[in-house]
Amino acid sequence: MTAYAIAHLRDVDRNAEIIDYILRIDETLAPFGGRFLIHGVTPEILEGPWEGDLVVIAFPDREAAQAWYASPGYQAILPLRTRNSRSAAFIVEGAPEGYRATDFLAKLG
């Protein structure tokens, strides 16, 4: 099942380290089948507060997303982002084909 690495970036200092991070991140994704779906976009806010930018990277599955994040290549550049922004990042699996909101009720059982 497709998994997503999602980051909410706030207060990004767009300095040389962030530029270096951006220049190097693509090469870390390829071995794990990762691709950007959303990158550095400020969403159109419909409800609630929001500040900052959104990044969504798709991977073939949770294992690939976790392996990418833990990889030496990504870990080498991660401090370039964390030193220069306030951010939250996480991995989440997508819903399976045909999923309906009412399917969630089975989990509440």
PDB file of N, CA and C in Angstrom:
ATOM      1  N   MET A   1       0.836  -1.164   0.000  1.00  0.00           N
ATOM      2  CA  MET A   1       0.000   0.000   0.000  1.00  0.00           C
ATOM      3  C   MET A   1       0.887   1.236   0.000  1.00  0.00           C
ATOM      4  N   THR A   2       0.534   2.209  -0.789  1.00  0.00           N
ATOM      5  CA  THR A   2       1.319   3.440  -0.871  1.00  0.00           C
ATOM      6  C   THR A   2       1.431   4.084   0.504  1.00  0.00           C
ATOM      7  N   ALA A   3       2.614   4.576   0.806  1.00  0.00           N
ATOM      8  CA  ALA A   3       2.862   5.315   2.046  1.00  0.00           C
ATOM      9  C   ALA A   3       3.394   6.692   1.686  1.00  0.00           C
ATOM     10  N   TYR A   4       3.213   7.612   2.596  1.00  0.00           N
ATOM     11  CA  TYR A   4       3.582   9.000   2.341  1.00  0.00           C
ATOM     12  C   TYR A   4       4.448   9.523   3.474  1.00  0.00           C
ATOM     13  N   ALA A   5       5.521  10.186   3.113  1.00  0.00           N
ATOM     14  CA  ALA A   5       6.316  10.954   4.062  1.00  0.00           C
ATOM     15  C   ALA A   5       5.807  12.381   3.931  1.00  0.00           C
ATOM     16  N   ILE A   6       5.358  12.938   5.037  1.00  0.00           N
ATOM     17  CA  ILE A   6       4.735  14.258   5.030  1.00  0.00           C
ATOM     18  C   ILE A   6       5.508  15.159   5.983  1.00  0.00           C
ATOM     19  N   ALA A   7       5.763  16.370   5.549  1.00  0.00           N
ATOM     20  CA  ALA A   7       6.428  17.352   6.404  1.00  0.00           C
ATOM     21  C   ALA A   7       5.678  18.667   6.357  1.00  0.00           C
ATOM     22  N   HIS A   8       5.542  19.265   7.517  1.00  0.00           N
ATOM     23  CA  HIS A   8       4.970  20.605   7.654  1.00  0.00           C
ATOM     24  C   HIS A   8       6.124  21.502   8.091  1.00  0.00           C
ATOM     25  N   LEU A   9       6.538  22.377   7.201  1.00  0.00           N
ATOM     26  CA  LEU A   9       7.712  23.225   7.441  1.00  0.00           C
ATOM     27  C   LEU A   9       7.275  24.638   7.767  1.00  0.00           C
ATOM     28  N   ARG A  10       7.833  25.159   8.858  1.00  0.00           N
ATOM     29  CA  ARG A  10       7.536  26.524   9.271  1.00  0.00           C
ATOM     30  C   ARG A  10       8.848  27.264   9.524  1.00  0.00           C
ATOM     31  N   ASP A  11       8.794  28.549   9.340  1.00  0.00           N
ATOM     32  CA  ASP A  11       9.959  29.402   9.630  1.00  0.00           C
ATOM     33  C   ASP A  11      11.229  28.879   8.971  1.00  0.00           C
ATOM     34  N   VAL A  12      11.150  28.610   7.687  1.00  0.00           N
ATOM     35  CA  VAL A  12      12.304  28.096   6.958  1.00  0.00           C
ATOM     36  C   VAL A  12      13.268  29.245   6.658  1.00  0.00           C
ATOM     37  N   ASP A  13      14.504  29.080   7.088  1.00  0.00           N
ATOM     38  CA  ASP A  13      15.563  30.031   6.757  1.00  0.00           C
ATOM     39  C   ASP A  13      16.135  29.585   5.416  1.00  0.00           C
ATOM     40  N   ARG A  14      15.807  30.297   4.374  1.00  0.00           N
ATOM     41  CA  ARG A  14      16.208  29.894   3.012  1.00  0.00           C
ATOM     42  C   ARG A  14      17.656  30.316   2.746  1.00  0.00           C
ATOM     43  N   ASN A  15      18.550  29.628   3.429  1.00  0.00           N
ATOM     44  CA  ASN A  15      19.975  29.946   3.350  1.00  0.00           C
ATOM     45  C   ASN A  15      20.706  28.876   2.523  1.00  0.00           C
ATOM     46  N   ALA A  16      22.030  28.927   2.550  1.00  0.00           N
ATOM     47  CA  ALA A  16      22.834  27.992   1.754  1.00  0.00           C
ATOM     48  C   ALA A  16      22.614  26.539   2.168  1.00  0.00           C
ATOM     49  N   GLU A  17      22.379  26.274   3.457  1.00  0.00           N
ATOM     50  CA  GLU A  17      22.154  24.895   3.888  1.00  0.00           C
ATOM     51  C   GLU A  17      20.839  24.343   3.332  1.00  0.00           C
ATOM     52  N   ILE A  18      19.801  25.147   3.317  1.00  0.00           N
ATOM     53  CA  ILE A  18      18.519  24.691   2.751  1.00  0.00           C
ATOM     54  C   ILE A  18      18.663  24.466   1.251  1.00  0.00           C
ATOM     55  N   ILE A  19      19.380  25.322   0.585  1.00  0.00           N
ATOM     56  CA  ILE A  19      19.614  25.135  -0.850  1.00  0.00           C
ATOM     57  C   ILE A  19      20.364  23.827  -1.083  1.00  0.00           C
ATOM     58  N   ASP A  20      21.357  23.550  -0.258  1.00  0.00           N
ATOM     59  CA  ASP A  20      22.102  22.290  -0.367  1.00  0.00           C
ATOM     60  C   ASP A  20      21.170  21.096  -0.141  1.00  0.00           C
ATOM     61  N   TYR A  21      20.309  21.179   0.863  1.00  0.00           N
ATOM     62  CA  TYR A  21      19.333  20.114   1.135  1.00  0.00           C
ATOM     63  C   TYR A  21      18.464  19.869  -0.096  1.00  0.00           C
ATOM     64  N   ILE A  22      17.938  20.930  -0.677  1.00  0.00           N
ATOM     65  CA  ILE A  22      17.076  20.806  -1.861  1.00  0.00           C
ATOM     66  C   ILE A  22      17.843  20.204  -3.035  1.00  0.00           C
ATOM     67  N   LEU A  23      19.079  20.609  -3.209  1.00  0.00           N
ATOM     68  CA  LEU A  23      19.885  20.072  -4.308  1.00  0.00           C
ATOM     69  C   LEU A  23      20.177  18.574  -4.142  1.00  0.00           C
ATOM     70  N   ARG A  24      20.180  18.081  -2.902  1.00  0.00           N
ATOM     71  CA  ARG A  24      20.593  16.706  -2.649  1.00  0.00           C
ATOM     72  C   ARG A  24      19.458  15.717  -2.367  1.00  0.00           C
ATOM     73  N   ILE A  25      18.268  16.203  -2.051  1.00  0.00           N
ATOM     74  CA  ILE A  25      17.216  15.275  -1.609  1.00  0.00           C
ATOM     75  C   ILE A  25      16.740  14.341  -2.721  1.00  0.00           C
ATOM     76  N   ASP A  26      16.646  14.817  -3.953  1.00  0.00           N
ATOM     77  CA  ASP A  26      16.145  13.958  -5.032  1.00  0.00           C
ATOM     78  C   ASP A  26      16.949  12.663  -5.148  1.00  0.00           C
ATOM     79  N   GLU A  27      18.258  12.747  -5.031  1.00  0.00           N
ATOM     80  CA  GLU A  27      19.090  11.547  -5.172  1.00  0.00           C
ATOM     81  C   GLU A  27      18.856  10.554  -4.038  1.00  0.00           C
ATOM     82  N   THR A  28      18.336  11.021  -2.891  1.00  0.00           N
ATOM     83  CA  THR A  28      18.055  10.093  -1.791  1.00  0.00           C
ATOM     84  C   THR A  28      16.746   9.340  -2.008  1.00  0.00           C
ATOM     85  N   LEU A  29      15.849   9.896  -2.808  1.00  0.00           N
ATOM     86  CA  LEU A  29      14.530   9.290  -3.016  1.00  0.00           C
ATOM     87  C   LEU A  29      14.552   8.133  -4.007  1.00  0.00           C
ATOM     88  N   ALA A  30      15.317   8.282  -5.069  1.00  0.00           N
ATOM     89  CA  ALA A  30      15.285   7.326  -6.188  1.00  0.00           C
ATOM     90  C   ALA A  30      15.464   5.868  -5.769  1.00  0.00           C
ATOM     91  N   PRO A  31      16.424   5.521  -4.916  1.00  0.00           N
ATOM     92  CA  PRO A  31      16.605   4.109  -4.571  1.00  0.00           C
ATOM     93  C   PRO A  31      15.411   3.479  -3.841  1.00  0.00           C
ATOM     94  N   PHE A  32      14.508   4.322  -3.331  1.00  0.00           N
ATOM     95  CA  PHE A  32      13.377   3.828  -2.544  1.00  0.00           C
ATOM     96  C   PHE A  32      12.039   4.040  -3.252  1.00  0.00           C
ATOM     97  N   GLY A  33      12.100   4.469  -4.507  1.00  0.00           N
ATOM     98  CA  GLY A  33      10.876   4.670  -5.278  1.00  0.00           C
ATOM     99  C   GLY A  33      10.080   5.871  -4.836  1.00  0.00           C
ATOM    100  N   GLY A  34      10.721   6.826  -4.171  1.00  0.00           N
ATOM    101  CA  GLY A  34      10.023   8.013  -3.684  1.00  0.00           C
ATOM    102  C   GLY A  34       9.893   9.078  -4.755  1.00  0.00           C
ATOM    103  N   ARG A  35       8.771   9.787  -4.712  1.00  0.00           N
ATOM    104  CA  ARG A  35       8.575  10.907  -5.643  1.00  0.00           C
ATOM    105  C   ARG A  35       7.732  11.975  -4.973  1.00  0.00           C
ATOM    106  N   PHE A  36       8.051  13.199  -5.265  1.00  0.00           N
ATOM    107  CA  PHE A  36       7.302  14.314  -4.703  1.00  0.00           C
ATOM    108  C   PHE A  36       5.905  14.373  -5.301  1.00  0.00           C
ATOM    109  N   LEU A  37       4.906  14.501  -4.444  1.00  0.00           N
ATOM    110  CA  LEU A  37       3.537  14.802  -4.865  1.00  0.00           C
ATOM    111  C   LEU A  37       3.232  16.273  -4.626  1.00  0.00           C
ATOM    112  N   ILE A  38       3.729  16.778  -3.502  1.00  0.00           N
ATOM    113  CA  ILE A  38       3.572  18.186  -3.127  1.00  0.00           C
ATOM    114  C   ILE A  38       4.909  18.633  -2.567  1.00  0.00           C
ATOM    115  N   HIS A  39       5.378  19.801  -3.001  1.00  0.00           N
ATOM    116  CA  HIS A  39       6.676  20.265  -2.504  1.00  0.00           C
ATOM    117  C   HIS A  39       6.658  21.764  -2.293  1.00  0.00           C
ATOM    118  N   GLY A  40       6.779  22.157  -1.043  1.00  0.00           N
ATOM    119  CA  GLY A  40       6.914  23.562  -0.711  1.00  0.00           C
ATOM    120  C   GLY A  40       5.710  24.406  -1.074  1.00  0.00           C
ATOM    121  N   VAL A  41       4.520  23.841  -0.908  1.00  0.00           N
ATOM    122  CA  VAL A  41       3.298  24.538  -1.284  1.00  0.00           C
ATOM    123  C   VAL A  41       2.610  25.062  -0.029  1.00  0.00           C
ATOM    124  N   THR A  42       2.154  26.288  -0.085  1.00  0.00           N
ATOM    125  CA  THR A  42       1.307  26.818   0.962  1.00  0.00           C
ATOM    126  C   THR A  42      -0.133  26.530   0.560  1.00  0.00           C
ATOM    127  N   PRO A  43      -0.849  25.741   1.357  1.00  0.00           N
ATOM    128  CA  PRO A  43      -2.194  25.348   0.957  1.00  0.00           C
ATOM    129  C   PRO A  43      -3.191  26.502   1.010  1.00  0.00           C
ATOM    130  N   GLU A  44      -4.262  26.351   0.260  1.00  0.00           N
ATOM    131  CA  GLU A  44      -5.400  27.262   0.366  1.00  0.00           C
ATOM    132  C   GLU A  44      -6.157  26.836   1.621  1.00  0.00           C
ATOM    133  N   ILE A  45      -6.188  27.676   2.607  1.00  0.00           N
ATOM    134  CA  ILE A  45      -6.769  27.327   3.897  1.00  0.00           C
ATOM    135  C   ILE A  45      -8.288  27.488   3.837  1.00  0.00           C
ATOM    136  N   LEU A  46      -8.989  26.421   4.153  1.00  0.00           N
ATOM    137  CA  LEU A  46     -10.446  26.444   4.195  1.00  0.00           C
ATOM    138  C   LEU A  46     -10.968  26.509   5.630  1.00  0.00           C
ATOM    139  N   GLU A  47     -10.246  25.898   6.552  1.00  0.00           N
ATOM    140  CA  GLU A  47     -10.642  25.892   7.959  1.00  0.00           C
ATOM    141  C   GLU A  47      -9.398  25.851   8.832  1.00  0.00           C
ATOM    142  N   GLY A  48      -9.457  26.497   9.953  1.00  0.00           N
ATOM    143  CA  GLY A  48      -8.408  26.407  10.955  1.00  0.00           C
ATOM    144  C   GLY A  48      -7.144  27.161  10.596  1.00  0.00           C
ATOM    145  N   PRO A  49      -6.259  27.264  11.577  1.00  0.00           N
ATOM    146  CA  PRO A  49      -4.995  27.980  11.362  1.00  0.00           C
ATOM    147  C   PRO A  49      -3.976  27.122  10.620  1.00  0.00           C
ATOM    148  N   TRP A  50      -3.135  27.753   9.857  1.00  0.00           N
ATOM    149  CA  TRP A  50      -2.026  27.081   9.173  1.00  0.00           C
ATOM    150  C   TRP A  50      -0.950  28.102   8.922  1.00  0.00           C
ATOM    151  N   GLU A  51       0.270  27.696   9.088  1.00  0.00           N
ATOM    152  CA  GLU A  51       1.408  28.506   8.686  1.00  0.00           C
ATOM    153  C   GLU A  51       2.442  27.587   8.082  1.00  0.00           C
ATOM    154  N   GLY A  52       3.151  28.076   7.106  1.00  0.00           N
ATOM    155  CA  GLY A  52       4.246  27.309   6.543  1.00  0.00           C
ATOM    156  C   GLY A  52       3.902  26.599   5.250  1.00  0.00           C
ATOM    157  N   ASP A  53       4.751  25.630   4.927  1.00  0.00           N
ATOM    158  CA  ASP A  53       4.677  24.904   3.667  1.00  0.00           C
ATOM    159  C   ASP A  53       4.446  23.419   3.930  1.00  0.00           C
ATOM    160  N   LEU A  54       3.931  22.748   2.905  1.00  0.00           N
ATOM    161  CA  LEU A  54       3.632  21.328   2.994  1.00  0.00           C
ATOM    162  C   LEU A  54       4.457  20.570   1.964  1.00  0.00           C
ATOM    163  N   VAL A  55       4.982  19.414   2.377  1.00  0.00           N
ATOM    164  CA  VAL A  55       5.710  18.517   1.485  1.00  0.00           C
ATOM    165  C   VAL A  55       5.103  17.120   1.644  1.00  0.00           C
ATOM    166  N   VAL A  56       4.779  16.475   0.523  1.00  0.00           N
ATOM    167  CA  VAL A  56       4.282  15.106   0.535  1.00  0.00           C
ATOM    168  C   VAL A  56       5.086  14.307  -0.484  1.00  0.00           C
ATOM    169  N   ILE A  57       5.697  13.216  -0.022  1.00  0.00           N
ATOM    170  CA  ILE A  57       6.485  12.333  -0.879  1.00  0.00           C
ATOM    171  C   ILE A  57       5.834  10.952  -0.832  1.00  0.00           C
ATOM    172  N   ALA A  58       5.535  10.382  -1.991  1.00  0.00           N
ATOM    173  CA  ALA A  58       4.920   9.056  -2.073  1.00  0.00           C
ATOM    174  C   ALA A  58       5.992   7.987  -2.220  1.00  0.00           C
ATOM    175  N   PHE A  59       5.768   6.861  -1.565  1.00  0.00           N
ATOM    176  CA  PHE A  59       6.627   5.685  -1.659  1.00  0.00           C
ATOM    177  C   PHE A  59       5.758   4.468  -1.946  1.00  0.00           C
ATOM    178  N   PRO A  60       6.327   3.426  -2.513  1.00  0.00           N
ATOM    179  CA  PRO A  60       5.537   2.232  -2.826  1.00  0.00           C
ATOM    180  C   PRO A  60       4.855   1.612  -1.603  1.00  0.00           C
ATOM    181  N   ASP A  61       5.510   1.713  -0.426  1.00  0.00           N
ATOM    182  CA  ASP A  61       4.949   1.129   0.792  1.00  0.00           C
ATOM    183  C   ASP A  61       5.658   1.726   2.000  1.00  0.00           C
ATOM    184  N   ARG A  62       5.142   1.385   3.182  1.00  0.00           N
ATOM    185  CA  ARG A  62       5.697   1.923   4.429  1.00  0.00           C
ATOM    186  C   ARG A  62       7.166   1.543   4.602  1.00  0.00           C
ATOM    187  N   GLU A  63       7.516   0.317   4.241  1.00  0.00           N
ATOM    188  CA  GLU A  63       8.902  -0.130   4.418  1.00  0.00           C
ATOM    189  C   GLU A  63       9.864   0.717   3.592  1.00  0.00           C
ATOM    190  N   ALA A  64       9.470   1.057   2.364  1.00  0.00           N
ATOM    191  CA  ALA A  64      10.326   1.889   1.514  1.00  0.00           C
ATOM    192  C   ALA A  64      10.467   3.287   2.108  1.00  0.00           C
ATOM    193  N   ALA A  65       9.371   3.837   2.622  1.00  0.00           N
ATOM    194  CA  ALA A  65       9.426   5.174   3.234  1.00  0.00           C
ATOM    195  C   ALA A  65      10.329   5.167   4.462  1.00  0.00           C
ATOM    196  N   GLN A  66      10.191   4.153   5.296  1.00  0.00           N
ATOM    197  CA  GLN A  66      11.024   4.060   6.495  1.00  0.00           C
ATOM    198  C   GLN A  66      12.496   3.853   6.133  1.00  0.00           C
ATOM    199  N   ALA A  67      12.750   3.026   5.124  1.00  0.00           N
ATOM    200  CA  ALA A  67      14.132   2.782   4.698  1.00  0.00           C
ATOM    201  C   ALA A  67      14.753   4.058   4.144  1.00  0.00           C
ATOM    202  N   TRP A  68      13.983   4.853   3.391  1.00  0.00           N
ATOM    203  CA  TRP A  68      14.494   6.127   2.880  1.00  0.00           C
ATOM    204  C   TRP A  68      14.872   7.045   4.031  1.00  0.00           C
ATOM    205  N   TYR A  69      13.961   7.222   4.992  1.00  0.00           N
ATOM    206  CA  TYR A  69      14.224   8.149   6.091  1.00  0.00           C
ATOM    207  C   TYR A  69      15.454   7.725   6.894  1.00  0.00           C
ATOM    208  N   ALA A  70      15.612   6.429   7.089  1.00  0.00           N
ATOM    209  CA  ALA A  70      16.740   5.917   7.872  1.00  0.00           C
ATOM    210  C   ALA A  70      18.030   5.775   7.063  1.00  0.00           C
ATOM    211  N   SER A  71      17.956   5.968   5.751  1.00  0.00           N
ATOM    212  CA  SER A  71      19.125   5.738   4.897  1.00  0.00           C
ATOM    213  C   SER A  71      20.269   6.700   5.212  1.00  0.00           C
ATOM    214  N   PRO A  72      21.498   6.248   5.028  1.00  0.00           N
ATOM    215  CA  PRO A  72      22.643   7.134   5.244  1.00  0.00           C
ATOM    216  C   PRO A  72      22.579   8.393   4.385  1.00  0.00           C
ATOM    217  N   GLY A  73      22.102   8.256   3.155  1.00  0.00           N
ATOM    218  CA  GLY A  73      22.016   9.419   2.272  1.00  0.00           C
ATOM    219  C   GLY A  73      21.084  10.483   2.807  1.00  0.00           C
ATOM    220  N   TYR A  74      19.910  10.080   3.295  1.00  0.00           N
ATOM    221  CA  TYR A  74      18.981  11.083   3.829  1.00  0.00           C
ATOM    222  C   TYR A  74      19.430  11.578   5.194  1.00  0.00           C
ATOM    223  N   GLN A  75      19.905  10.699   6.040  1.00  0.00           N
ATOM    224  CA  GLN A  75      20.357  11.122   7.360  1.00  0.00           C
ATOM    225  C   GLN A  75      21.497  12.129   7.266  1.00  0.00           C
ATOM    226  N   ALA A  76      22.301  12.038   6.198  1.00  0.00           N
ATOM    227  CA  ALA A  76      23.410  12.985   6.014  1.00  0.00           C
ATOM    228  C   ALA A  76      22.911  14.401   5.756  1.00  0.00           C
ATOM    229  N   ILE A  77      21.745  14.529   5.100  1.00  0.00           N
ATOM    230  CA  ILE A  77      21.252  15.883   4.784  1.00  0.00           C
ATOM    231  C   ILE A  77      20.159  16.353   5.728  1.00  0.00           C
ATOM    232  N   LEU A  78      19.565  15.471   6.505  1.00  0.00           N
ATOM    233  CA  LEU A  78      18.476  15.840   7.404  1.00  0.00           C
ATOM    234  C   LEU A  78      18.810  17.033   8.306  1.00  0.00           C
ATOM    235  N   PRO A  79      19.996  17.095   8.906  1.00  0.00           N
ATOM    236  CA  PRO A  79      20.304  18.250   9.757  1.00  0.00           C
ATOM    237  C   PRO A  79      20.255  19.591   9.013  1.00  0.00           C
ATOM    238  N   LEU A  80      20.468  19.563   7.708  1.00  0.00           N
ATOM    239  CA  LEU A  80      20.390  20.810   6.940  1.00  0.00           C
ATOM    240  C   LEU A  80      18.980  21.392   7.009  1.00  0.00           C
ATOM    241  N   ARG A  81      17.973  20.518   7.063  1.00  0.00           N
ATOM    242  CA  ARG A  81      16.583  20.982   7.198  1.00  0.00           C
ATOM    243  C   ARG A  81      16.243  21.299   8.641  1.00  0.00           C
ATOM    244  N   THR A  82      16.588  20.397   9.554  1.00  0.00           N
ATOM    245  CA  THR A  82      16.157  20.585  10.939  1.00  0.00           C
ATOM    246  C   THR A  82      16.833  21.775  11.623  1.00  0.00           C
ATOM    247  N   ARG A  83      18.042  22.112  11.201  1.00  0.00           N
ATOM    248  CA  ARG A  83      18.719  23.287  11.768  1.00  0.00           C
ATOM    249  C   ARG A  83      18.125  24.589  11.259  1.00  0.00           C
ATOM    250  N   ASN A  84      17.413  24.523  10.147  1.00  0.00           N
ATOM    251  CA  ASN A  84      16.995  25.750   9.472  1.00  0.00           C
ATOM    252  C   ASN A  84      15.487  25.882   9.304  1.00  0.00           C
ATOM    253  N   SER A  85      14.735  25.128  10.092  1.00  0.00           N
ATOM    254  CA  SER A  85      13.277  25.256  10.055  1.00  0.00           C
ATOM    255  C   SER A  85      12.682  24.663  11.325  1.00  0.00           C
ATOM    256  N   ARG A  86      11.483  25.074  11.618  1.00  0.00           N
ATOM    257  CA  ARG A  86      10.663  24.356  12.588  1.00  0.00           C
ATOM    258  C   ARG A  86       9.810  23.434  11.739  1.00  0.00           C
ATOM    259  N   SER A  87       9.761  22.169  12.087  1.00  0.00           N
ATOM    260  CA  SER A  87       9.025  21.258  11.225  1.00  0.00           C
ATOM    261  C   SER A  87       8.511  20.061  12.000  1.00  0.00           C
ATOM    262  N   ALA A  88       7.527  19.425  11.413  1.00  0.00           N
ATOM    263  CA  ALA A  88       7.024  18.133  11.871  1.00  0.00           C
ATOM    264  C   ALA A  88       7.056  17.225  10.657  1.00  0.00           C
ATOM    265  N   ALA A  89       7.464  15.986  10.850  1.00  0.00           N
ATOM    266  CA  ALA A  89       7.531  15.044   9.743  1.00  0.00           C
ATOM    267  C   ALA A  89       7.021  13.690  10.227  1.00  0.00           C
ATOM    268  N   PHE A  90       6.343  12.971   9.334  1.00  0.00           N
ATOM    269  CA  PHE A  90       5.812  11.668   9.696  1.00  0.00           C
ATOM    270  C   PHE A  90       5.573  10.840   8.451  1.00  0.00           C
ATOM    271  N   ILE A  91       5.382   9.538   8.670  1.00  0.00           N
ATOM    272  CA  ILE A  91       5.066   8.589   7.598  1.00  0.00           C
ATOM    273  C   ILE A  91       3.679   8.031   7.897  1.00  0.00           C
ATOM    274  N   VAL A  92       2.871   7.938   6.873  1.00  0.00           N
ATOM    275  CA  VAL A  92       1.516   7.409   7.024  1.00  0.00           C
ATOM    276  C   VAL A  92       1.167   6.586   5.789  1.00  0.00           C
ATOM    277  N   GLU A  93       0.438   5.485   6.006  1.00  0.00           N
ATOM    278  CA  GLU A  93      -0.038   4.696   4.876  1.00  0.00           C
ATOM    279  C   GLU A  93      -1.315   5.311   4.329  1.00  0.00           C
ATOM    280  N   GLY A  94      -1.487   5.187   3.021  1.00  0.00           N
ATOM    281  CA  GLY A  94      -2.699   5.663   2.382  1.00  0.00           C
ATOM    282  C   GLY A  94      -3.827   4.667   2.571  1.00  0.00           C
ATOM    283  N   ALA A  95      -5.013   5.073   2.178  1.00  0.00           N
ATOM    284  CA  ALA A  95      -6.182   4.192   2.238  1.00  0.00           C
ATOM    285  C   ALA A  95      -6.152   3.247   1.043  1.00  0.00           C
ATOM    286  N   PRO A  96      -6.612   2.007   1.232  1.00  0.00           N
ATOM    287  CA  PRO A  96      -6.632   1.064   0.118  1.00  0.00           C
ATOM    288  C   PRO A  96      -7.683   1.438  -0.923  1.00  0.00           C
ATOM    289  N   GLU A  97      -7.506   0.905  -2.115  1.00  0.00           N
ATOM    290  CA  GLU A  97      -8.470   1.114  -3.197  1.00  0.00           C
ATOM    291  C   GLU A  97      -9.864   0.722  -2.707  1.00  0.00           C
ATOM    292  N   GLY A  98     -10.838   1.545  -3.004  1.00  0.00           N
ATOM    293  CA  GLY A  98     -12.213   1.254  -2.633  1.00  0.00           C
ATOM    294  C   GLY A  98     -12.584   1.615  -1.207  1.00  0.00           C
ATOM    295  N   TYR A  99     -11.656   2.161  -0.453  1.00  0.00           N
ATOM    296  CA  TYR A  99     -11.927   2.536   0.940  1.00  0.00           C
ATOM    297  C   TYR A  99     -13.036   3.582   1.000  1.00  0.00           C
ATOM    298  N   ARG A 100     -13.896   3.436   1.986  1.00  0.00           N
ATOM    299  CA  ARG A 100     -14.955   4.414   2.235  1.00  0.00           C
ATOM    300  C   ARG A 100     -14.843   4.866   3.686  1.00  0.00           C
ATOM    301  N   ALA A 101     -15.265   6.075   3.966  1.00  0.00           N
ATOM    302  CA  ALA A 101     -15.165   6.614   5.325  1.00  0.00           C
ATOM    303  C   ALA A 101     -15.828   5.703   6.346  1.00  0.00           C
ATOM    304  N   THR A 102     -16.902   5.056   5.970  1.00  0.00           N
ATOM    305  CA  THR A 102     -17.599   4.171   6.904  1.00  0.00           C
ATOM    306  C   THR A 102     -16.775   2.943   7.272  1.00  0.00           C
ATOM    307  N   ASP A 103     -15.734   2.614   6.488  1.00  0.00           N
ATOM    308  CA  ASP A 103     -14.859   1.496   6.832  1.00  0.00           C
ATOM    309  C   ASP A 103     -14.153   1.746   8.167  1.00  0.00           C
ATOM    310  N   PHE A 104     -13.992   2.991   8.523  1.00  0.00           N
ATOM    311  CA  PHE A 104     -13.354   3.348   9.785  1.00  0.00           C
ATOM    312  C   PHE A 104     -14.174   2.852  10.973  1.00  0.00           C
ATOM    313  N   LEU A 105     -15.464   2.765  10.815  1.00  0.00           N
ATOM    314  CA  LEU A 105     -16.330   2.333  11.912  1.00  0.00           C
ATOM    315  C   LEU A 105     -15.991   0.915  12.366  1.00  0.00           C
ATOM    316  N   ALA A 106     -15.514   0.062  11.467  1.00  0.00           N
ATOM    317  CA  ALA A 106     -15.131  -1.304  11.833  1.00  0.00           C
ATOM    318  C   ALA A 106     -13.973  -1.295  12.819  1.00  0.00           C
ATOM    319  N   LYS A 107     -13.109  -0.286  12.738  1.00  0.00           N
ATOM    320  CA  LYS A 107     -11.975  -0.192  13.668  1.00  0.00           C
ATOM    321  C   LYS A 107     -12.432   0.180  15.070  1.00  0.00           C
ATOM    322  N   LEU A 108     -13.583   0.825  15.170  1.00  0.00           N
ATOM    323  CA  LEU A 108     -14.074   1.267  16.460  1.00  0.00           C
ATOM    324  C   LEU A 108     -14.728   0.147  17.248  1.00  0.00           C
ATOM    325  N   GLY A 109     -15.166  -0.902  16.490  1.00  0.00           N
ATOM    326  CA  GLY A 109     -15.783  -2.121  16.948  1.00  0.00           C
ATOM    327  C   GLY A 109     -16.122  -2.268  18.331  1.00  0.00           C
TER     328      GLY A 109
END
